[in-house]
Protein backbone atom coordinates (compact mmCIF):
# COMPACT_ATOMS: atom_id res chain seq x y z
CA MET A 1 0.00 0.00 0.00
CA VAL A 2 1.45 3.34 -1.03
CA LEU A 3 0.68 5.99 1.54
CA ILE A 4 2.01 9.41 0.54
CA PRO A 5 5.15 9.17 -1.63
CA ALA A 6 5.36 12.87 -2.55
CA PRO A 7 6.73 14.29 0.75
CA LEU A 8 9.45 11.66 0.77
CA VAL A 9 10.77 13.01 -2.53
CA LEU A 10 10.05 16.70 -2.06
CA VAL A 11 11.30 17.43 1.45
CA PRO A 12 14.77 15.85 1.28
CA GLY A 13 14.87 16.72 -2.41
CA SER A 14 15.52 20.40 -1.78
CA LEU A 15 18.38 19.52 0.55
CA SER A 16 19.88 17.07 -1.91
CA TYR A 17 19.64 19.55 -4.80
CA GLU A 18 21.39 22.17 -2.70
CA SER A 19 24.00 19.56 -1.77
CA LEU A 20 24.67 18.91 -5.46
CA LEU A 21 24.99 22.65 -6.00
CA TYR A 22 27.73 22.78 -3.38
CA VAL A 23 29.46 19.77 -4.96
CA PHE A 24 29.61 21.58 -8.29
CA GLN A 25 30.91 24.69 -6.54
CA SER A 26 33.69 22.57 -4.94
CA ASP A 27 32.45 23.19 -1.40
CA THR A 28 32.59 19.61 -0.16
CA THR A 29 32.10 20.26 3.55
CA ASP A 30 28.74 21.99 3.01
CA ALA A 31 27.80 19.39 0.40
CA VAL A 32 28.41 16.50 2.79
CA SER A 33 26.60 18.31 5.60
CA LEU A 34 23.51 18.86 3.45
CA ALA A 35 23.63 15.31 2.09
CA VAL A 36 23.61 13.92 5.63
CA ARG A 37 20.69 16.20 6.55
CA ALA A 38 18.78 15.04 3.45
CA LEU A 39 19.35 11.39 4.33
CA LEU A 40 18.28 11.99 7.92
CA ALA A 41 15.14 13.81 6.74
CA ALA A 42 14.23 10.92 4.45
CA ILE A 43 14.72 8.39 7.25
CA LEU A 44 12.60 10.46 9.65
CA ILE A 45 9.79 10.85 7.11
CA VAL A 46 9.64 7.09 6.57
CA ALA A 47 9.76 6.49 10.33
CA GLY A 48 6.92 8.98 10.78
CA PHE A 49 4.77 7.13 8.27
CA LEU A 50 5.52 3.68 9.71
CA THR A 51 5.26 4.43 13.44
CA PRO A 52 1.46 4.87 13.57
CA GLN A 53 1.02 1.58 11.73
CA LEU A 54 3.18 -0.19 14.31
CA VAL A 55 1.46 1.40 17.30
CA THR A 56 -2.18 0.97 16.31
CA PRO A 57 -3.64 -2.46 15.65
CA LEU A 58 -4.92 -3.39 12.22
CA PRO A 59 -8.70 -3.20 11.83
CA LEU A 60 -10.46 -6.53 11.71
CA ARG A 61 -11.94 -7.49 8.35
CA ARG A 62 -15.47 -8.75 8.34
CA SER A 63 -16.44 -11.16 5.63
């Protein structure tokens, strides 16, 4: 089941695009810093989507 794939791409996407900008400008320290922040943001978004599913029980199906 696909929940909401757009925020996963959009939110860390801006950080990763800015990271690539710094790579092309030969500023590797800022590029690595932004890449790590983008990765952390992606991990936290996925964790935020999965946590409610782990905490709440699945609804029972009636047939």
